[in-house]
Amino acid sequence: MGSIFLNILFSFHIIASVGLVLLILLHAGRGGGISGLFSGVVETFDGAGIVEKNLDRLTIILGVIFAVTTITLFIVL
């Protein structure tokens, strides 16, 4: 039973870590990043595009999942 739980937890941890790396690489640096490719001229009032805001939200969610799985693995192992 514990082995199944650990396998599921490791799977979530690996998916979250790879996804987090990919999402961080997609973020806009000083040159524009992915938001410049997809959002184009459509921007919100504060200057950040809708794609960039969604990218920020996904990055935060995956960061929280990564942190929770890291702490859980630390406690379990």
N, C-alpha and C. Protein backbone atom coordinates (compact mmCIF):
# COMPACT_ATOMS: atom_id res chain seq x y z
N MET A 1 0.82 -1.20 0.00
CA MET A 1 0.00 0.00 0.00
C MET A 1 0.86 1.26 0.00
N GLY A 2 1.92 1.26 0.81
CA GLY A 2 2.79 2.41 0.88
C GLY A 2 3.56 2.63 -0.42
N SER A 3 3.85 1.55 -1.10
CA SER A 3 4.59 1.64 -2.35
C SER A 3 3.76 2.35 -3.43
N ILE A 4 2.47 2.07 -3.45
CA ILE A 4 1.59 2.72 -4.43
C ILE A 4 1.52 4.22 -4.15
N PHE A 5 1.39 4.58 -2.86
CA PHE A 5 1.34 5.99 -2.48
C PHE A 5 2.62 6.71 -2.87
N LEU A 6 3.76 6.08 -2.61
CA LEU A 6 5.04 6.70 -2.96
C LEU A 6 5.20 6.84 -4.47
N ASN A 7 4.78 5.86 -5.23
CA ASN A 7 4.86 5.94 -6.69
C ASN A 7 4.00 7.08 -7.23
N ILE A 8 2.81 7.24 -6.70
CA ILE A 8 1.93 8.33 -7.13
C ILE A 8 2.54 9.67 -6.74
N LEU A 9 3.09 9.74 -5.52
CA LEU A 9 3.70 10.98 -5.05
C LEU A 9 4.93 11.34 -5.88
N PHE A 10 5.77 10.35 -6.17
CA PHE A 10 6.93 10.59 -7.03
C PHE A 10 6.51 11.04 -8.43
N SER A 11 5.45 10.46 -8.94
CA SER A 11 4.96 10.85 -10.27
C SER A 11 4.52 12.30 -10.29
N PHE A 12 3.73 12.70 -9.28
CA PHE A 12 3.32 14.11 -9.19
C PHE A 12 4.53 15.03 -9.04
N HIS A 13 5.51 14.59 -8.27
CA HIS A 13 6.70 15.41 -8.03
C HIS A 13 7.50 15.61 -9.33
N ILE A 14 7.66 14.55 -10.09
CA ILE A 14 8.42 14.64 -11.35
C ILE A 14 7.67 15.49 -12.37
N ILE A 15 6.36 15.29 -12.48
CA ILE A 15 5.56 16.08 -13.42
C ILE A 15 5.60 17.56 -13.03
N ALA A 16 5.48 17.84 -11.74
CA ALA A 16 5.51 19.23 -11.28
C ALA A 16 6.87 19.86 -11.52
N SER A 17 7.94 19.11 -11.30
CA SER A 17 9.28 19.70 -11.48
C SER A 17 9.58 19.98 -12.95
N VAL A 18 9.25 19.05 -13.83
CA VAL A 18 9.49 19.27 -15.26
C VAL A 18 8.59 20.40 -15.78
N GLY A 19 7.33 20.39 -15.36
CA GLY A 19 6.42 21.46 -15.77
C GLY A 19 6.85 22.82 -15.26
N LEU A 20 7.37 22.86 -14.04
CA LEU A 20 7.84 24.13 -13.48
C LEU A 20 9.03 24.68 -14.26
N VAL A 21 9.94 23.81 -14.62
CA VAL A 21 11.10 24.24 -15.42
C VAL A 21 10.63 24.78 -16.77
N LEU A 22 9.73 24.06 -17.42
CA LEU A 22 9.25 24.51 -18.73
C LEU A 22 8.50 25.84 -18.64
N LEU A 23 7.65 25.99 -17.63
CA LEU A 23 6.90 27.24 -17.50
C LEU A 23 7.81 28.42 -17.17
N ILE A 24 8.83 28.18 -16.37
CA ILE A 24 9.77 29.26 -16.06
C ILE A 24 10.53 29.68 -17.31
N LEU A 25 10.88 28.71 -18.14
CA LEU A 25 11.58 29.04 -19.39
C LEU A 25 10.67 29.80 -20.36
N LEU A 26 9.36 29.60 -20.27
CA LEU A 26 8.44 30.30 -21.16
C LEU A 26 8.18 31.75 -20.74
N HIS A 27 8.54 32.09 -19.50
CA HIS A 27 8.27 33.44 -19.03
C HIS A 27 9.07 34.47 -19.81
N ALA A 28 8.52 35.66 -19.85
CA ALA A 28 9.16 36.76 -20.57
C ALA A 28 10.37 37.25 -19.80
N GLY A 29 11.46 37.35 -20.48
CA GLY A 29 12.63 37.98 -19.90
C GLY A 29 12.60 39.44 -20.28
N ARG A 30 13.72 39.96 -20.62
CA ARG A 30 13.76 41.36 -21.04
C ARG A 30 13.36 41.51 -22.51
N GLY A 31 13.37 40.39 -23.24
CA GLY A 31 13.08 40.45 -24.66
C GLY A 31 11.63 40.24 -25.05
N GLY A 32 10.80 39.72 -24.18
CA GLY A 32 9.41 39.52 -24.54
C GLY A 32 8.87 38.15 -24.22
N GLY A 33 9.64 37.10 -24.49
CA GLY A 33 9.23 35.75 -24.15
C GLY A 33 8.01 35.27 -24.93
N ILE A 34 7.32 34.31 -24.35
CA ILE A 34 6.19 33.69 -25.03
C ILE A 34 4.99 34.62 -25.09
N SER A 35 4.88 35.55 -24.16
CA SER A 35 3.72 36.44 -24.16
C SER A 35 3.73 37.33 -25.39
N GLY A 36 4.89 37.69 -25.87
CA GLY A 36 4.97 38.49 -27.07
C GLY A 36 4.57 37.73 -28.32
N LEU A 37 4.77 36.42 -28.30
CA LEU A 37 4.39 35.60 -29.44
C LEU A 37 2.89 35.44 -29.58
N PHE A 38 2.22 35.17 -28.47
CA PHE A 38 0.81 34.82 -28.54
C PHE A 38 -0.13 35.98 -28.29
N SER A 39 0.21 36.88 -27.36
CA SER A 39 -0.75 37.93 -27.04
C SER A 39 -0.71 39.07 -28.04
N GLY A 40 0.41 39.29 -28.67
CA GLY A 40 0.51 40.33 -29.68
C GLY A 40 0.21 41.71 -29.13
N VAL A 41 -0.73 42.39 -29.78
CA VAL A 41 -1.05 43.75 -29.35
C VAL A 41 -2.12 43.76 -28.27
N VAL A 42 -2.73 42.64 -27.99
CA VAL A 42 -3.79 42.58 -26.98
C VAL A 42 -3.14 42.54 -25.60
N GLU A 43 -3.25 43.63 -24.86
CA GLU A 43 -2.70 43.70 -23.53
C GLU A 43 -3.72 44.28 -22.59
N THR A 44 -3.57 43.95 -21.32
CA THR A 44 -4.47 44.50 -20.32
C THR A 44 -3.97 45.86 -19.88
N PHE A 45 -4.67 46.48 -18.98
CA PHE A 45 -4.34 47.84 -18.57
C PHE A 45 -3.01 47.96 -17.85
N ASP A 46 -2.60 46.94 -17.16
CA ASP A 46 -1.33 47.02 -16.44
C ASP A 46 -0.13 46.61 -17.30
N GLY A 47 -0.34 46.30 -18.54
CA GLY A 47 0.76 46.02 -19.45
C GLY A 47 1.07 44.55 -19.65
N ALA A 48 0.55 43.68 -18.80
CA ALA A 48 0.81 42.25 -18.95
C ALA A 48 -0.31 41.62 -19.77
N GLY A 49 0.05 40.78 -20.71
CA GLY A 49 -0.94 40.14 -21.56
C GLY A 49 -1.68 39.04 -20.82
N ILE A 50 -2.77 38.61 -21.40
CA ILE A 50 -3.59 37.57 -20.80
C ILE A 50 -2.81 36.26 -20.73
N VAL A 51 -2.04 35.99 -21.77
CA VAL A 51 -1.24 34.76 -21.79
C VAL A 51 -0.22 34.79 -20.67
N GLU A 52 0.39 35.95 -20.46
CA GLU A 52 1.39 36.08 -19.40
C GLU A 52 0.77 35.89 -18.02
N LYS A 53 -0.43 36.41 -17.82
CA LYS A 53 -1.10 36.24 -16.53
C LYS A 53 -1.45 34.78 -16.28
N ASN A 54 -1.93 34.09 -17.32
CA ASN A 54 -2.24 32.66 -17.17
C ASN A 54 -0.97 31.85 -16.94
N LEU A 55 0.11 32.25 -17.58
CA LEU A 55 1.39 31.59 -17.37
C LEU A 55 1.86 31.79 -15.93
N ASP A 56 1.66 32.98 -15.39
CA ASP A 56 1.99 33.23 -13.99
C ASP A 56 1.17 32.35 -13.06
N ARG A 57 -0.12 32.24 -13.33
CA ARG A 57 -0.99 31.42 -12.48
C ARG A 57 -0.58 29.95 -12.51
N LEU A 58 -0.31 29.44 -13.69
CA LEU A 58 0.11 28.04 -13.81
C LEU A 58 1.45 27.79 -13.11
N THR A 59 2.35 28.75 -13.20
CA THR A 59 3.64 28.62 -12.55
C THR A 59 3.48 28.58 -11.03
N ILE A 60 2.62 29.44 -10.50
CA ILE A 60 2.38 29.45 -9.06
C ILE A 60 1.75 28.14 -8.61
N ILE A 61 0.77 27.65 -9.36
CA ILE A 61 0.10 26.40 -8.99
C ILE A 61 1.10 25.24 -9.00
N LEU A 62 1.92 25.15 -10.05
CA LEU A 62 2.91 24.07 -10.10
C LEU A 62 3.98 24.24 -9.02
N GLY A 63 4.30 25.47 -8.68
CA GLY A 63 5.26 25.70 -7.59
C GLY A 63 4.72 25.23 -6.26
N VAL A 64 3.45 25.47 -6.01
CA VAL A 64 2.83 25.01 -4.77
C VAL A 64 2.76 23.48 -4.74
N ILE A 65 2.39 22.87 -5.87
CA ILE A 65 2.35 21.41 -5.94
C ILE A 65 3.74 20.83 -5.70
N PHE A 66 4.75 21.44 -6.29
CA PHE A 66 6.13 20.98 -6.10
C PHE A 66 6.55 21.10 -4.63
N ALA A 67 6.21 22.21 -4.00
CA ALA A 67 6.58 22.40 -2.59
C ALA A 67 5.87 21.39 -1.69
N VAL A 68 4.59 21.16 -1.95
CA VAL A 68 3.83 20.21 -1.12
C VAL A 68 4.36 18.80 -1.29
N THR A 69 4.65 18.40 -2.53
CA THR A 69 5.18 17.05 -2.73
C THR A 69 6.58 16.90 -2.14
N THR A 70 7.38 17.96 -2.19
CA THR A 70 8.71 17.91 -1.60
C THR A 70 8.63 17.73 -0.09
N ILE A 71 7.77 18.50 0.56
CA ILE A 71 7.62 18.39 2.02
C ILE A 71 7.04 17.03 2.39
N THR A 72 6.06 16.55 1.62
CA THR A 72 5.46 15.25 1.90
C THR A 72 6.48 14.12 1.74
N LEU A 73 7.29 14.19 0.70
CA LEU A 73 8.33 13.18 0.52
C LEU A 73 9.36 13.23 1.64
N PHE A 74 9.66 14.42 2.11
CA PHE A 74 10.61 14.57 3.23
C PHE A 74 10.04 13.92 4.49
N ILE A 75 8.76 14.10 4.74
CA ILE A 75 8.14 13.54 5.94
C ILE A 75 8.00 12.01 5.81
N VAL A 76 7.56 11.56 4.65
CA VAL A 76 7.30 10.12 4.48
C VAL A 76 8.60 9.32 4.44
N LEU A 77 9.59 9.84 3.76
CA LEU A 77 10.85 9.11 3.65
C LEU A 77 11.72 9.51 4.79
